[in-house]
Amino acid sequence: MLKDNCAQNLVLTQKEREVLDFIREYWKKYQLYPSFREIGAGIGLRSVSSVNRYIRSLTEKGEILPHKGKMRCLVLKKQ
């Protein structure tokens, strides 16, 4: 099984990629991670629970590292 970043991205859904890209761009612009509401607004999702589902999925796939107990609790894995 290939372990490179390109191979891992193949298993992401289109919406997961959108979430991940939004988080990366937000970080580049503001040097902090977006809230779930900001992610939802940025990619056109009204429900915070939908954003949470995508974040959980990205965490399980190793694209996002959890940072429990903190606001803006997302950490992107190093590229």
N, C-alpha and C. Protein backbone atom coordinates (compact mmCIF):
# COMPACT_ATOMS: atom_id res chain seq x y z
N MET A 1 0.84 -1.19 0.00
CA MET A 1 0.00 0.00 0.00
C MET A 1 0.88 1.24 0.00
N LEU A 2 0.56 2.20 -0.85
CA LEU A 2 1.33 3.44 -0.93
C LEU A 2 1.02 4.34 0.25
N LYS A 3 2.04 4.98 0.78
CA LYS A 3 1.85 5.83 1.94
C LYS A 3 2.06 7.30 1.64
N ASP A 4 2.37 7.64 0.40
CA ASP A 4 2.64 9.05 0.10
C ASP A 4 1.36 9.87 0.15
N ASN A 5 1.51 11.18 0.26
CA ASN A 5 0.40 12.09 0.41
C ASN A 5 -0.58 12.01 -0.75
N CYS A 6 -0.08 11.85 -1.95
CA CYS A 6 -0.93 11.76 -3.14
C CYS A 6 -1.87 10.56 -3.05
N ALA A 7 -1.37 9.44 -2.63
CA ALA A 7 -2.18 8.23 -2.51
C ALA A 7 -3.24 8.40 -1.44
N GLN A 8 -2.90 9.07 -0.33
CA GLN A 8 -3.86 9.27 0.74
C GLN A 8 -4.99 10.18 0.29
N ASN A 9 -4.69 11.20 -0.52
CA ASN A 9 -5.72 12.12 -0.98
C ASN A 9 -6.74 11.44 -1.89
N LEU A 10 -6.37 10.34 -2.53
CA LEU A 10 -7.29 9.63 -3.41
C LEU A 10 -8.48 9.07 -2.65
N VAL A 11 -8.32 8.80 -1.35
CA VAL A 11 -9.41 8.23 -0.58
C VAL A 11 -10.35 9.29 -0.03
N LEU A 12 -10.02 10.57 -0.20
CA LEU A 12 -10.88 11.64 0.28
C LEU A 12 -12.02 11.88 -0.70
N THR A 13 -13.20 12.17 -0.15
CA THR A 13 -14.32 12.55 -1.00
C THR A 13 -14.12 13.98 -1.46
N GLN A 14 -14.89 14.41 -2.42
CA GLN A 14 -14.78 15.78 -2.92
C GLN A 14 -15.06 16.78 -1.80
N LYS A 15 -16.07 16.53 -1.01
CA LYS A 15 -16.43 17.46 0.08
C LYS A 15 -15.34 17.48 1.15
N GLU A 16 -14.73 16.33 1.44
CA GLU A 16 -13.63 16.29 2.39
C GLU A 16 -12.46 17.13 1.88
N ARG A 17 -12.19 17.04 0.59
CA ARG A 17 -11.12 17.86 0.00
C ARG A 17 -11.45 19.34 0.12
N GLU A 18 -12.73 19.68 -0.10
CA GLU A 18 -13.15 21.08 0.02
C GLU A 18 -12.93 21.59 1.44
N VAL A 19 -13.31 20.77 2.42
CA VAL A 19 -13.13 21.15 3.83
C VAL A 19 -11.64 21.34 4.12
N LEU A 20 -10.84 20.39 3.72
CA LEU A 20 -9.40 20.44 3.97
C LEU A 20 -8.76 21.64 3.27
N ASP A 21 -9.13 21.89 2.04
CA ASP A 21 -8.60 23.05 1.30
C ASP A 21 -9.02 24.36 1.97
N PHE A 22 -10.27 24.43 2.43
CA PHE A 22 -10.74 25.64 3.11
C PHE A 22 -9.93 25.88 4.38
N ILE A 23 -9.70 24.82 5.15
CA ILE A 23 -8.94 24.95 6.39
C ILE A 23 -7.52 25.43 6.09
N ARG A 24 -6.90 24.84 5.09
CA ARG A 24 -5.53 25.23 4.72
C ARG A 24 -5.46 26.70 4.30
N GLU A 25 -6.39 27.13 3.45
CA GLU A 25 -6.40 28.51 2.98
C GLU A 25 -6.68 29.49 4.11
N TYR A 26 -7.59 29.11 5.00
CA TYR A 26 -7.92 29.96 6.15
C TYR A 26 -6.69 30.12 7.02
N TRP A 27 -5.97 29.02 7.25
CA TRP A 27 -4.75 29.07 8.06
C TRP A 27 -3.72 30.01 7.42
N LYS A 28 -3.54 29.88 6.11
CA LYS A 28 -2.57 30.73 5.42
C LYS A 28 -2.93 32.22 5.56
N LYS A 29 -4.21 32.51 5.51
CA LYS A 29 -4.65 33.90 5.55
C LYS A 29 -4.63 34.50 6.96
N TYR A 30 -5.09 33.72 7.97
CA TYR A 30 -5.28 34.27 9.31
C TYR A 30 -4.32 33.71 10.37
N GLN A 31 -3.57 32.68 10.04
CA GLN A 31 -2.67 32.02 10.99
C GLN A 31 -3.40 31.46 12.20
N LEU A 32 -4.63 31.02 12.01
CA LEU A 32 -5.39 30.28 12.99
C LEU A 32 -6.39 29.43 12.25
N TYR A 33 -6.90 28.43 12.92
CA TYR A 33 -7.82 27.51 12.28
C TYR A 33 -9.24 28.02 12.38
N PRO A 34 -10.07 27.76 11.37
CA PRO A 34 -11.46 28.24 11.39
C PRO A 34 -12.31 27.44 12.36
N SER A 35 -13.36 28.08 12.85
CA SER A 35 -14.36 27.38 13.65
C SER A 35 -15.20 26.51 12.72
N PHE A 36 -15.95 25.61 13.31
CA PHE A 36 -16.82 24.75 12.50
C PHE A 36 -17.84 25.60 11.73
N ARG A 37 -18.34 26.65 12.34
CA ARG A 37 -19.30 27.54 11.66
C ARG A 37 -18.64 28.25 10.48
N GLU A 38 -17.41 28.68 10.65
CA GLU A 38 -16.69 29.34 9.56
C GLU A 38 -16.42 28.36 8.42
N ILE A 39 -16.11 27.13 8.76
CA ILE A 39 -15.91 26.11 7.72
C ILE A 39 -17.21 25.91 6.96
N GLY A 40 -18.30 25.75 7.70
CA GLY A 40 -19.61 25.56 7.06
C GLY A 40 -19.97 26.69 6.12
N ALA A 41 -19.78 27.92 6.60
CA ALA A 41 -20.09 29.09 5.77
C ALA A 41 -19.18 29.14 4.56
N GLY A 42 -17.93 28.74 4.73
CA GLY A 42 -16.96 28.81 3.65
C GLY A 42 -17.18 27.81 2.53
N ILE A 43 -17.80 26.68 2.86
CA ILE A 43 -18.02 25.65 1.83
C ILE A 43 -19.49 25.39 1.55
N GLY A 44 -20.36 26.19 2.14
CA GLY A 44 -21.78 26.09 1.82
C GLY A 44 -22.55 25.04 2.60
N LEU A 45 -22.14 24.76 3.83
CA LEU A 45 -22.89 23.85 4.69
C LEU A 45 -23.55 24.65 5.81
N ARG A 46 -24.83 24.44 6.02
CA ARG A 46 -25.54 25.17 7.08
C ARG A 46 -25.39 24.50 8.44
N SER A 47 -25.25 23.20 8.44
CA SER A 47 -25.27 22.44 9.67
C SER A 47 -23.86 22.23 10.23
N VAL A 48 -23.68 22.62 11.48
CA VAL A 48 -22.41 22.39 12.16
C VAL A 48 -22.17 20.90 12.33
N SER A 49 -23.24 20.13 12.49
CA SER A 49 -23.07 18.68 12.63
C SER A 49 -22.53 18.06 11.34
N SER A 50 -22.87 18.61 10.20
CA SER A 50 -22.30 18.12 8.94
C SER A 50 -20.81 18.42 8.88
N VAL A 51 -20.43 19.63 9.30
CA VAL A 51 -19.01 19.98 9.35
C VAL A 51 -18.30 19.03 10.30
N ASN A 52 -18.89 18.78 11.46
CA ASN A 52 -18.30 17.88 12.43
C ASN A 52 -18.08 16.49 11.84
N ARG A 53 -19.02 16.02 11.06
CA ARG A 53 -18.89 14.70 10.42
C ARG A 53 -17.69 14.67 9.47
N TYR A 54 -17.52 15.73 8.69
CA TYR A 54 -16.37 15.78 7.78
C TYR A 54 -15.05 15.89 8.54
N ILE A 55 -15.05 16.68 9.62
CA ILE A 55 -13.84 16.82 10.43
C ILE A 55 -13.48 15.48 11.06
N ARG A 56 -14.47 14.79 11.57
CA ARG A 56 -14.23 13.46 12.17
C ARG A 56 -13.67 12.50 11.14
N SER A 57 -14.23 12.52 9.94
CA SER A 57 -13.75 11.65 8.86
C SER A 57 -12.31 11.98 8.48
N LEU A 58 -12.01 13.27 8.37
CA LEU A 58 -10.65 13.69 8.04
C LEU A 58 -9.66 13.33 9.15
N THR A 59 -10.13 13.37 10.38
CA THR A 59 -9.30 12.97 11.51
C THR A 59 -9.01 11.47 11.45
N GLU A 60 -10.04 10.69 11.16
CA GLU A 60 -9.86 9.24 11.05
C GLU A 60 -8.93 8.87 9.91
N LYS A 61 -8.93 9.66 8.85
CA LYS A 61 -8.07 9.41 7.70
C LYS A 61 -6.67 9.99 7.88
N GLY A 62 -6.45 10.66 9.03
CA GLY A 62 -5.13 11.17 9.34
C GLY A 62 -4.78 12.51 8.71
N GLU A 63 -5.75 13.20 8.13
CA GLU A 63 -5.48 14.50 7.51
C GLU A 63 -5.51 15.63 8.52
N ILE A 64 -6.25 15.45 9.59
CA ILE A 64 -6.36 16.45 10.66
C ILE A 64 -6.03 15.75 11.97
N LEU A 65 -5.29 16.44 12.80
CA LEU A 65 -4.96 15.90 14.11
C LEU A 65 -5.85 16.57 15.15
N PRO A 66 -6.47 15.81 16.03
CA PRO A 66 -7.33 16.43 17.04
C PRO A 66 -6.50 17.20 18.07
N HIS A 67 -7.05 18.27 18.57
CA HIS A 67 -6.40 19.06 19.62
C HIS A 67 -7.48 19.31 20.66
N LYS A 68 -7.69 18.33 21.50
CA LYS A 68 -8.84 18.34 22.42
C LYS A 68 -8.74 19.44 23.47
N GLY A 69 -9.92 19.94 23.85
CA GLY A 69 -10.02 20.90 24.93
C GLY A 69 -9.69 22.34 24.55
N LYS A 70 -9.52 22.62 23.29
CA LYS A 70 -9.19 23.98 22.87
C LYS A 70 -10.18 24.44 21.81
N MET A 71 -10.46 25.73 21.81
CA MET A 71 -11.27 26.29 20.75
C MET A 71 -10.47 26.22 19.45
N ARG A 72 -11.17 26.19 18.36
CA ARG A 72 -10.52 26.04 17.05
C ARG A 72 -9.59 24.84 17.10
N CYS A 73 -10.19 23.73 17.44
CA CYS A 73 -9.45 22.53 17.82
C CYS A 73 -8.97 21.69 16.64
N LEU A 74 -8.54 22.31 15.59
CA LEU A 74 -8.03 21.59 14.44
C LEU A 74 -6.54 21.81 14.32
N VAL A 75 -5.84 20.78 13.89
CA VAL A 75 -4.43 20.90 13.57
C VAL A 75 -4.20 20.09 12.32
N LEU A 76 -3.70 20.71 11.27
CA LEU A 76 -3.41 19.99 10.04
C LEU A 76 -2.14 19.19 10.24
N LYS A 77 -2.11 18.00 9.67
CA LYS A 77 -0.87 17.23 9.75
C LYS A 77 0.16 17.93 8.88
N LYS A 78 1.40 17.76 9.21
CA LYS A 78 2.46 18.42 8.43
C LYS A 78 2.51 17.84 7.04
N GLN A 79 2.73 18.70 6.08
CA GLN A 79 2.78 18.31 4.67
C GLN A 79 4.08 17.64 4.33
